[in-house]
């Protein structure tokens, strides 16, 4: 079963399958590390998991060094897209990297 992730504004971002992050249309966009960090498919640090289903980046934290990109996985069957959620109040010192 896929874990759905949302942008801070409440819109669906995508879903997680086996530690990989896919957009709502099934495109591979990154992966999760065991420490809760999230990396883009290009190996660039994206942020960290907050509240279990959001990805945010601290604005005052030094960005880690890029990692070697992982091989793109086979695209899974996309789950049914969830309905949007109520937007969250901005968190001081945090930024939603997917809400640009």
PDB file of N, CA and C in Angstrom:
ATOM      1  N   UNK A   1       0.849  -1.184   0.000  1.00  0.00           N
ATOM      2  CA  UNK A   1       0.000   0.000   0.000  1.00  0.00           C
ATOM      3  C   UNK A   1       0.889   1.240   0.000  1.00  0.00           C
ATOM      4  N   UNK A   2       0.545   2.214  -0.779  1.00  0.00           N
ATOM      5  CA  UNK A   2       1.329   3.437  -0.919  1.00  0.00           C
ATOM      6  C   UNK A   2       0.985   4.433   0.188  1.00  0.00           C
ATOM      7  N   UNK A   3       1.989   5.163   0.627  1.00  0.00           N
ATOM      8  CA  UNK A   3       1.809   6.233   1.591  1.00  0.00           C
ATOM      9  C   UNK A   3       1.692   7.534   0.806  1.00  0.00           C
ATOM     10  N   UNK A   4       0.566   8.219   0.894  1.00  0.00           N
ATOM     11  CA  UNK A   4       0.357   9.467   0.169  1.00  0.00           C
ATOM     12  C   UNK A   4       1.071  10.609   0.876  1.00  0.00           C
ATOM     13  N   UNK A   5       1.629  11.509   0.081  1.00  0.00           N
ATOM     14  CA  UNK A   5       2.278  12.709   0.602  1.00  0.00           C
ATOM     15  C   UNK A   5       1.589  13.932   0.020  1.00  0.00           C
ATOM     16  N   UNK A   6       1.595  15.004   0.805  1.00  0.00           N
ATOM     17  CA  UNK A   6       0.897  16.221   0.428  1.00  0.00           C
ATOM     18  C   UNK A   6       1.820  17.421   0.521  1.00  0.00           C
ATOM     19  N   UNK A   7       1.536  18.433  -0.314  1.00  0.00           N
ATOM     20  CA  UNK A   7       2.216  19.706  -0.191  1.00  0.00           C
ATOM     21  C   UNK A   7       1.660  20.393   1.047  1.00  0.00           C
ATOM     22  N   UNK A   8       2.367  21.358   1.576  1.00  0.00           N
ATOM     23  CA  UNK A   8       1.920  22.072   2.772  1.00  0.00           C
ATOM     24  C   UNK A   8       0.617  22.812   2.499  1.00  0.00           C
ATOM     25  N   UNK A   9       0.364  23.160   1.210  1.00  0.00           N
ATOM     26  CA  UNK A   9      -0.872  23.862   0.860  1.00  0.00           C
ATOM     27  C   UNK A   9      -2.066  22.915   0.752  1.00  0.00           C
ATOM     28  N   UNK A  10      -1.873  21.630   1.023  1.00  0.00           N
ATOM     29  CA  UNK A  10      -2.964  20.661   1.040  1.00  0.00           C
ATOM     30  C   UNK A  10      -3.124  19.851  -0.232  1.00  0.00           C
ATOM     31  N   UNK A  11      -2.474  20.258  -1.320  1.00  0.00           N
ATOM     32  CA  UNK A  11      -2.592  19.534  -2.589  1.00  0.00           C
ATOM     33  C   UNK A  11      -1.768  18.244  -2.548  1.00  0.00           C
ATOM     34  N   UNK A  12      -2.228  17.185  -3.194  1.00  0.00           N
ATOM     35  CA  UNK A  12      -1.457  15.944  -3.229  1.00  0.00           C
ATOM     36  C   UNK A  12      -0.118  16.160  -3.942  1.00  0.00           C
ATOM     37  N   UNK A  13       0.946  15.624  -3.365  1.00  0.00           N
ATOM     38  CA  UNK A  13       2.278  15.694  -3.969  1.00  0.00           C
ATOM     39  C   UNK A  13       2.571  14.409  -4.726  1.00  0.00           C
ATOM     40  N   UNK A  14       2.278  13.292  -4.087  1.00  0.00           N
ATOM     41  CA  UNK A  14       2.568  12.002  -4.696  1.00  0.00           C
ATOM     42  C   UNK A  14       2.429  10.891  -3.668  1.00  0.00           C
ATOM     43  N   UNK A  15       3.243   9.864  -3.841  1.00  0.00           N
ATOM     44  CA  UNK A  15       3.153   8.720  -2.943  1.00  0.00           C
ATOM     45  C   UNK A  15       4.507   8.030  -2.838  1.00  0.00           C
ATOM     46  N   UNK A  16       4.651   7.249  -1.774  1.00  0.00           N
ATOM     47  CA  UNK A  16       5.883   6.520  -1.500  1.00  0.00           C
ATOM     48  C   UNK A  16       5.639   5.027  -1.648  1.00  0.00           C
ATOM     49  N   UNK A  17       6.518   4.374  -2.358  1.00  0.00           N
ATOM     50  CA  UNK A  17       6.476   2.922  -2.491  1.00  0.00           C
ATOM     51  C   UNK A  17       7.901   2.416  -2.330  1.00  0.00           C
ATOM     52  N   UNK A  18       8.121   1.547  -1.360  1.00  0.00           N
ATOM     53  CA  UNK A  18       9.438   0.941  -1.126  1.00  0.00           C
ATOM     54  C   UNK A  18      10.557   1.968  -1.024  1.00  0.00           C
ATOM     55  N   UNK A  19      10.306   3.052  -0.320  1.00  0.00           N
ATOM     56  CA  UNK A  19      11.329   4.062  -0.105  1.00  0.00           C
ATOM     57  C   UNK A  19      11.580   4.983  -1.285  1.00  0.00           C
ATOM     58  N   UNK A  20      10.760   4.902  -2.304  1.00  0.00           N
ATOM     59  CA  UNK A  20      10.886   5.764  -3.480  1.00  0.00           C
ATOM     60  C   UNK A  20       9.694   6.719  -3.531  1.00  0.00           C
ATOM     61  N   UNK A  21       9.934   7.937  -4.011  1.00  0.00           N
ATOM     62  CA  UNK A  21       8.898   8.965  -4.096  1.00  0.00           C
ATOM     63  C   UNK A  21       8.469   9.137  -5.541  1.00  0.00           C
ATOM     64  N   UNK A  22       7.171   9.052  -5.766  1.00  0.00           N
ATOM     65  CA  UNK A  22       6.586   9.211  -7.098  1.00  0.00           C
ATOM     66  C   UNK A  22       5.585  10.351  -7.062  1.00  0.00           C
ATOM     67  N   UNK A  23       5.486  11.111  -8.163  1.00  0.00           N
ATOM     68  CA  UNK A  23       4.494  12.179  -8.257  1.00  0.00           C
ATOM     69  C   UNK A  23       3.105  11.547  -8.390  1.00  0.00           C
ATOM     70  N   UNK A  24       2.077  12.355  -8.353  1.00  0.00           N
ATOM     71  CA  UNK A  24       0.710  11.830  -8.451  1.00  0.00           C
ATOM     72  C   UNK A  24       0.461  11.107  -9.772  1.00  0.00           C
ATOM     73  N   UNK A  25       1.218  11.468 -10.823  1.00  0.00           N
ATOM     74  CA  UNK A  25       1.052  10.768 -12.108  1.00  0.00           C
ATOM     75  C   UNK A  25       2.046   9.634 -12.310  1.00  0.00           C
ATOM     76  N   UNK A  26       2.762   9.255 -11.242  1.00  0.00           N
ATOM     77  CA  UNK A  26       3.622   8.080 -11.295  1.00  0.00           C
ATOM     78  C   UNK A  26       5.063   8.317 -11.688  1.00  0.00           C
ATOM     79  N   UNK A  27       5.464   9.580 -11.878  1.00  0.00           N
ATOM     80  CA  UNK A  27       6.844   9.881 -12.251  1.00  0.00           C
ATOM     81  C   UNK A  27       7.745   9.749 -11.022  1.00  0.00           C
ATOM     82  N   UNK A  28       8.892   9.079 -11.172  1.00  0.00           N
ATOM     83  CA  UNK A  28       9.861   8.934 -10.085  1.00  0.00           C
ATOM     84  C   UNK A  28      10.500  10.290  -9.822  1.00  0.00           C
ATOM     85  N   UNK A  29      10.369  10.800  -8.592  1.00  0.00           N
ATOM     86  CA  UNK A  29      10.935  12.109  -8.280  1.00  0.00           C
ATOM     87  C   UNK A  29      11.919  12.101  -7.119  1.00  0.00           C
ATOM     88  N   UNK A  30      12.150  10.959  -6.482  1.00  0.00           N
ATOM     89  CA  UNK A  30      13.135  10.936  -5.408  1.00  0.00           C
ATOM     90  C   UNK A  30      13.051   9.705  -4.538  1.00  0.00           C
ATOM     91  N   UNK A  31      13.818   9.755  -3.435  1.00  0.00           N
ATOM     92  CA  UNK A  31      13.833   8.630  -2.509  1.00  0.00           C
ATOM     93  C   UNK A  31      13.967   9.131  -1.072  1.00  0.00           C
ATOM     94  N   UNK A  32      13.653   8.240  -0.151  1.00  0.00           N
ATOM     95  CA  UNK A  32      13.701   8.515   1.284  1.00  0.00           C
ATOM     96  C   UNK A  32      14.876   7.764   1.896  1.00  0.00           C
ATOM     97  N   UNK A  33      15.564   8.392   2.818  1.00  0.00           N
ATOM     98  CA  UNK A  33      16.619   7.745   3.582  1.00  0.00           C
ATOM     99  C   UNK A  33      16.043   7.356   4.942  1.00  0.00           C
ATOM    100  N   UNK A  34      16.724   6.467   5.639  1.00  0.00           N
ATOM    101  CA  UNK A  34      16.265   5.989   6.942  1.00  0.00           C
ATOM    102  C   UNK A  34      16.176   7.069   8.007  1.00  0.00           C
ATOM    103  N   UNK A  35      16.917   8.166   7.826  1.00  0.00           N
ATOM    104  CA  UNK A  35      16.900   9.243   8.818  1.00  0.00           C
ATOM    105  C   UNK A  35      15.765  10.244   8.591  1.00  0.00           C
ATOM    106  N   UNK A  36      14.886   9.969   7.609  1.00  0.00           N
ATOM    107  CA  UNK A  36      13.763  10.851   7.322  1.00  0.00           C
ATOM    108  C   UNK A  36      14.065  11.899   6.266  1.00  0.00           C
ATOM    109  N   UNK A  37      15.307  11.923   5.764  1.00  0.00           N
ATOM    110  CA  UNK A  37      15.636  12.888   4.715  1.00  0.00           C
ATOM    111  C   UNK A  37      15.086  12.414   3.375  1.00  0.00           C
ATOM    112  N   UNK A  38      14.838  13.386   2.500  1.00  0.00           N
ATOM    113  CA  UNK A  38      14.283  13.105   1.176  1.00  0.00           C
ATOM    114  C   UNK A  38      15.229  13.703   0.144  1.00  0.00           C
ATOM    115  N   UNK A  39      15.510  12.923  -0.900  1.00  0.00           N
ATOM    116  CA  UNK A  39      16.438  13.319  -1.945  1.00  0.00           C
ATOM    117  C   UNK A  39      15.736  13.260  -3.285  1.00  0.00           C
ATOM    118  N   UNK A  40      15.999  14.242  -4.143  1.00  0.00           N
ATOM    119  CA  UNK A  40      15.415  14.267  -5.477  1.00  0.00           C
ATOM    120  C   UNK A  40      16.043  13.199  -6.350  1.00  0.00           C
ATOM    121  N   UNK A  41      15.387  12.854  -7.431  1.00  0.00           N
ATOM    122  CA  UNK A  41      15.887  11.816  -8.336  1.00  0.00           C
ATOM    123  C   UNK A  41      17.252  12.185  -8.913  1.00  0.00           C
ATOM    124  N   UNK A  42      17.617  13.473  -8.863  1.00  0.00           N
ATOM    125  CA  UNK A  42      18.922  13.930  -9.346  1.00  0.00           C
ATOM    126  C   UNK A  42      19.995  13.904  -8.253  1.00  0.00           C
ATOM    127  N   UNK A  43      19.649  13.450  -7.047  1.00  0.00           N
ATOM    128  CA  UNK A  43      20.607  13.352  -5.941  1.00  0.00           C
ATOM    129  C   UNK A  43      20.720  14.603  -5.100  1.00  0.00           C
ATOM    130  N   UNK A  44      19.875  15.598  -5.347  1.00  0.00           N
ATOM    131  CA  UNK A  44      19.900  16.844  -4.583  1.00  0.00           C
ATOM    132  C   UNK A  44      18.974  16.722  -3.370  1.00  0.00           C
ATOM    133  N   UNK A  45      19.454  17.200  -2.222  1.00  0.00           N
ATOM    134  CA  UNK A  45      18.666  17.184  -0.991  1.00  0.00           C
ATOM    135  C   UNK A  45      17.385  17.996  -1.180  1.00  0.00           C
ATOM    136  N   UNK A  46      16.256  17.411  -0.793  1.00  0.00           N
ATOM    137  CA  UNK A  46      14.960  18.087  -0.912  1.00  0.00           C
ATOM    138  C   UNK A  46      14.493  18.585   0.449  1.00  0.00           C
ATOM    139  N   UNK A  47      14.556  17.744   1.464  1.00  0.00           N
ATOM    140  CA  UNK A  47      14.086  18.131   2.788  1.00  0.00           C
ATOM    141  C   UNK A  47      13.930  16.918   3.667  1.00  0.00           C
ATOM    142  N   UNK A  48      12.968  16.989   4.575  1.00  0.00           N
ATOM    143  CA  UNK A  48      12.722  15.870   5.483  1.00  0.00           C
ATOM    144  C   UNK A  48      11.219  15.685   5.680  1.00  0.00           C
ATOM    145  N   UNK A  49      10.861  14.493   6.069  1.00  0.00           N
ATOM    146  CA  UNK A  49       9.451  14.169   6.298  1.00  0.00           C
ATOM    147  C   UNK A  49       9.003  14.833   7.606  1.00  0.00           C
ATOM    148  N   UNK A  50       7.886  15.554   7.515  1.00  0.00           N
ATOM    149  CA  UNK A  50       7.311  16.248   8.665  1.00  0.00           C
ATOM    150  C   UNK A  50       5.859  15.819   8.793  1.00  0.00           C
ATOM    151  N   UNK A  51       5.442  15.519   9.987  1.00  0.00           N
ATOM    152  CA  UNK A  51       4.052  15.110  10.266  1.00  0.00           C
ATOM    153  C   UNK A  51       3.647  13.859   9.488  1.00  0.00           C
ATOM    154  N   UNK A  52       4.595  13.047   9.086  1.00  0.00           N
ATOM    155  CA  UNK A  52       4.300  11.767   8.456  1.00  0.00           C
ATOM    156  C   UNK A  52       3.950  11.789   6.985  1.00  0.00           C
ATOM    157  N   UNK A  53       3.439  12.899   6.476  1.00  0.00           N
ATOM    158  CA  UNK A  53       3.069  12.911   5.056  1.00  0.00           C
ATOM    159  C   UNK A  53       3.273  14.263   4.369  1.00  0.00           C
ATOM    160  N   UNK A  54       4.242  15.012   4.862  1.00  0.00           N
ATOM    161  CA  UNK A  54       4.644  16.277   4.234  1.00  0.00           C
ATOM    162  C   UNK A  54       6.164  16.277   4.136  1.00  0.00           C
ATOM    163  N   UNK A  55       6.694  16.997   3.155  1.00  0.00           N
ATOM    164  CA  UNK A  55       8.136  17.147   3.019  1.00  0.00           C
ATOM    165  C   UNK A  55       8.451  18.628   3.101  1.00  0.00           C
ATOM    166  N   UNK A  56       9.258  18.993   4.093  1.00  0.00           N
ATOM    167  CA  UNK A  56       9.648  20.385   4.281  1.00  0.00           C
ATOM    168  C   UNK A  56      11.170  20.467   4.405  1.00  0.00           C
ATOM    169  N   UNK A  57      11.692  21.654   4.129  1.00  0.00           N
ATOM    170  CA  UNK A  57      13.128  21.896   4.283  1.00  0.00           C
ATOM    171  C   UNK A  57      13.300  23.092   5.207  1.00  0.00           C
ATOM    172  N   UNK A  58      14.221  22.948   6.158  1.00  0.00           N
ATOM    173  CA  UNK A  58      14.518  24.053   7.065  1.00  0.00           C
ATOM    174  C   UNK A  58      15.288  25.117   6.288  1.00  0.00           C
ATOM    175  N   UNK A  59      14.848  26.359   6.435  1.00  0.00           N
ATOM    176  CA  UNK A  59      15.484  27.440   5.685  1.00  0.00           C
ATOM    177  C   UNK A  59      16.816  27.870   6.287  1.00  0.00           C
ATOM    178  N   UNK A  60      17.056  27.567   7.543  1.00  0.00           N
ATOM    179  CA  UNK A  60      18.299  27.982   8.190  1.00  0.00           C
ATOM    180  C   UNK A  60      19.300  26.828   8.346  1.00  0.00           C
ATOM    181  N   UNK A  61      19.074  25.734   7.667  1.00  0.00           N
ATOM    182  CA  UNK A  61      19.944  24.565   7.759  1.00  0.00           C
ATOM    183  C   UNK A  61      20.828  24.497   6.510  1.00  0.00           C
ATOM    184  N   UNK A  62      22.094  24.204   6.696  1.00  0.00           N
ATOM    185  CA  UNK A  62      22.996  24.063   5.560  1.00  0.00           C
ATOM    186  C   UNK A  62      22.601  22.813   4.783  1.00  0.00           C
ATOM    187  N   UNK A  63      22.492  22.971   3.476  1.00  0.00           N
ATOM    188  CA  UNK A  63      22.077  21.854   2.625  1.00  0.00           C
ATOM    189  C   UNK A  63      23.196  20.823   2.541  1.00  0.00           C
ATOM    190  N   UNK A  64      22.885  19.542   2.747  1.00  0.00           N
ATOM    191  CA  UNK A  64      23.904  18.489   2.644  1.00  0.00           C
ATOM    192  C   UNK A  64      24.458  18.381   1.228  1.00  0.00           C
ATOM    193  N   UNK A  65      25.609  17.759   1.129  1.00  0.00           N
ATOM    194  CA  UNK A  65      26.239  17.527  -0.168  1.00  0.00           C
ATOM    195  C   UNK A  65      25.357  16.575  -0.971  1.00  0.00           C
ATOM    196  N   UNK A  66      25.292  16.826  -2.280  1.00  0.00           N
ATOM    197  CA  UNK A  66      24.486  15.973  -3.161  1.00  0.00           C
ATOM    198  C   UNK A  66      24.963  14.528  -3.097  1.00  0.00           C
ATOM    199  N   UNK A  67      24.042  13.621  -3.375  1.00  0.00           N
ATOM    200  CA  UNK A  67      24.349  12.189  -3.399  1.00  0.00           C
ATOM    201  C   UNK A  67      24.328  11.698  -4.835  1.00  0.00           C
ATOM    202  N   UNK A  68      24.907  10.548  -5.039  1.00  0.00           N
ATOM    203  CA  UNK A  68      24.846   9.928  -6.359  1.00  0.00           C
ATOM    204  C   UNK A  68      23.400   9.488  -6.581  1.00  0.00           C
ATOM    205  N   UNK A  69      22.796   9.897  -7.704  1.00  0.00           N
ATOM    206  CA  UNK A  69      21.399   9.507  -7.957  1.00  0.00           C
ATOM    207  C   UNK A  69      21.240   7.991  -7.999  1.00  0.00           C
ATOM    208  N   UNK A  70      20.097   7.545  -7.532  1.00  0.00           N
ATOM    209  CA  UNK A  70      19.783   6.116  -7.575  1.00  0.00           C
ATOM    210  C   UNK A  70      19.150   5.779  -8.920  1.00  0.00           C
ATOM    211  N   UNK A  71      19.253   4.541  -9.297  1.00  0.00           N
ATOM    212  CA  UNK A  71      18.654   4.092 -10.550  1.00  0.00           C
ATOM    213  C   UNK A  71      17.138   4.233 -10.450  1.00  0.00           C
ATOM    214  N   UNK A  72      16.538   4.768 -11.498  1.00  0.00           N
ATOM    215  CA  UNK A  72      15.080   4.933 -11.507  1.00  0.00           C
ATOM    216  C   UNK A  72      14.405   3.572 -11.439  1.00  0.00           C
ATOM    217  N   UNK A  73      13.473   3.416 -10.498  1.00  0.00           N
ATOM    218  CA  UNK A  73      12.761   2.145 -10.385  1.00  0.00           C
ATOM    219  C   UNK A  73      11.680   2.011 -11.464  1.00  0.00           C
ATOM    220  N   UNK A  74      11.178   0.815 -11.583  1.00  0.00           N
ATOM    221  CA  UNK A  74      10.051   0.578 -12.477  1.00  0.00           C
ATOM    222  C   UNK A  74       8.847   1.310 -11.898  1.00  0.00           C
ATOM    223  N   UNK A  75       8.118   1.985 -12.748  1.00  0.00           N
ATOM    224  CA  UNK A  75       6.965   2.755 -12.295  1.00  0.00           C
ATOM    225  C   UNK A  75       5.878   1.819 -11.789  1.00  0.00           C
ATOM    226  N   UNK A  76       5.463   1.994 -10.526  1.00  0.00           N
ATOM    227  CA  UNK A  76       4.389   1.159  -9.993  1.00  0.00           C
ATOM    228  C   UNK A  76       3.030   1.629 -10.521  1.00  0.00           C
ATOM    229  N   UNK A  77       2.040   0.827 -10.282  1.00  0.00           N
ATOM    230  CA  UNK A  77       0.676   1.228 -10.625  1.00  0.00           C
ATOM    231  C   UNK A  77       0.286   2.334  -9.652  1.00  0.00           C
ATOM    232  N   UNK A  78      -0.112   3.469 -10.175  1.00  0.00           N
ATOM    233  CA  UNK A  78      -0.451   4.612  -9.329  1.00  0.00           C
ATOM    234  C   UNK A  78      -1.730   4.335  -8.546  1.00  0.00           C
ATOM    235  N   UNK A  79      -1.703   4.625  -7.238  1.00  0.00           N
ATOM    236  CA  UNK A  79      -2.928   4.452  -6.449  1.00  0.00           C
ATOM    237  C   UNK A  79      -3.912   5.566  -6.786  1.00  0.00           C
ATOM    238  N   UNK A  80      -5.119   5.415  -6.323  1.00  0.00           N
ATOM    239  CA  UNK A  80      -6.139   6.451  -6.524  1.00  0.00           C
ATOM    240  C   UNK A  80      -5.665   7.713  -5.811  1.00  0.00           C
ATOM    241  N   UNK A  81      -5.730   8.824  -6.513  1.00  0.00           N
ATOM    242  CA  UNK A  81      -5.261  10.080  -5.945  1.00  0.00           C
ATOM    243  C   UNK A  81      -6.189  10.522  -4.823  1.00  0.00           C
ATOM    244  N   UNK A  82      -5.616  10.902  -3.673  1.00  0.00           N
ATOM    245  CA  UNK A  82      -6.458  11.336  -2.564  1.00  0.00           C
ATOM    246  C   UNK A  82      -7.009  12.740  -2.809  1.00  0.00           C
ATOM    247  N   UNK A  83      -8.041  13.077  -2.069  1.00  0.00           N
ATOM    248  CA  UNK A  83      -8.593  14.426  -2.171  1.00  0.00           C
ATOM    249  C   UNK A  83      -7.648  15.386  -1.434  1.00  0.00           C
ATOM    250  N   UNK A  84      -7.606  16.651  -1.872  1.00  0.00           N
ATOM    251  CA  UNK A  84      -6.752  17.621  -1.193  1.00  0.00           C
ATOM    252  C   UNK A  84      -7.139  17.764   0.276  1.00  0.00           C
ATOM    253  N   UNK A  85      -6.185  18.196   1.062  1.00  0.00           N
ATOM    254  CA  UNK A  85      -6.413  18.437   2.483  1.00  0.00           C
ATOM    255  C   UNK A  85      -6.481  19.937   2.742  1.00  0.00           C
ATOM    256  N   UNK A  86      -6.867  20.285   3.920  1.00  0.00           N
ATOM    257  CA  UNK A  86      -6.903  21.689   4.313  1.00  0.00           C
ATOM    258  C   UNK A  86      -5.458  22.181   4.402  1.00  0.00           C
ATOM    259  N   UNK A  87      -5.150  23.350   3.816  1.00  0.00           N
ATOM    260  CA  UNK A  87      -3.780  23.880   3.899  1.00  0.00           C
ATOM    261  C   UNK A  87      -3.349  24.073   5.346  1.00  0.00           C
ATOM    262  N   UNK A  88      -2.065  23.908   5.589  1.00  0.00           N
ATOM    263  CA  UNK A  88      -1.526  24.097   6.933  1.00  0.00           C
ATOM    264  C   UNK A  88      -0.991  25.509   7.078  1.00  0.00           C
ATOM    265  N   UNK A  89      -0.966  25.983   8.283  1.00  0.00           N
ATOM    266  CA  UNK A  89      -0.396  27.293   8.586  1.00  0.00           C
ATOM    267  C   UNK A  89       1.115  27.193   8.389  1.00  0.00           C
ATOM    268  N   UNK A  90       1.730  28.180   7.724  1.00  0.00           N
ATOM    269  CA  UNK A  90       3.182  28.121   7.509  1.00  0.00           C
ATOM    270  C   UNK A  90       3.940  27.935   8.816  1.00  0.00           C
ATOM    271  N   UNK A  91       5.021  27.157   8.740  1.00  0.00           N
ATOM    272  CA  UNK A  91       5.879  26.910   9.899  1.00  0.00           C
ATOM    273  C   UNK A  91       7.089  27.822   9.783  1.00  0.00           C
ATOM    274  N   UNK A  92       7.326  28.628  10.794  1.00  0.00           N
ATOM    275  CA  UNK A  92       8.447  29.550  10.793  1.00  0.00           C
ATOM    276  C   UNK A  92       9.757  28.786  10.635  1.00  0.00           C
ATOM    277  N   UNK A  93      10.556  29.187   9.655  1.00  0.00           N
ATOM    278  CA  UNK A  93      11.853  28.555   9.434  1.00  0.00           C
ATOM    279  C   UNK A  93      11.807  27.320   8.556  1.00  0.00           C
ATOM    280  N   UNK A  94      10.650  27.019   7.966  1.00  0.00           N
ATOM    281  CA  UNK A  94      10.494  25.849   7.103  1.00  0.00           C
ATOM    282  C   UNK A  94       9.915  26.285   5.765  1.00  0.00           C
ATOM    283  N   UNK A  95      10.226  25.520   4.726  1.00  0.00           N
ATOM    284  CA  UNK A  95       9.769  25.828   3.373  1.00  0.00           C
ATOM    285  C   UNK A  95       9.342  24.533   2.702  1.00  0.00           C
ATOM    286  N   UNK A  96       8.241  24.565   1.952  1.00  0.00           N
ATOM    287  CA  UNK A  96       7.807  23.399   1.188  1.00  0.00           C
ATOM    288  C   UNK A  96       8.509  23.457  -0.175  1.00  0.00           C
ATOM    289  N   UNK A  97       9.481  22.557  -0.421  1.00  0.00           N
ATOM    290  CA  UNK A  97      10.244  22.618  -1.665  1.00  0.00           C
ATOM    291  C   UNK A  97       9.408  22.291  -2.902  1.00  0.00           C
ATOM    292  N   UNK A  98       8.251  21.699  -2.732  1.00  0.00           N
ATOM    293  CA  UNK A  98       7.398  21.351  -3.869  1.00  0.00           C
ATOM    294  C   UNK A  98       6.285  22.343  -4.106  1.00  0.00           C
ATOM    295  N   UNK A  99       6.232  23.397  -3.294  1.00  0.00           N
ATOM    296  CA  UNK A  99       5.156  24.377  -3.390  1.00  0.00           C
ATOM    297  C   UNK A  99       5.661  25.677  -4.008  1.00  0.00           C
ATOM    298  N   UNK A 100       6.432  25.570  -5.082  1.00  0.00           N
ATOM    299  CA  UNK A 100       6.995  26.751  -5.754  1.00  0.00           C
ATOM    300  C   UNK A 100       6.199  27.121  -6.967  1.00  0.00           C
TER     301      UNK A 100
END
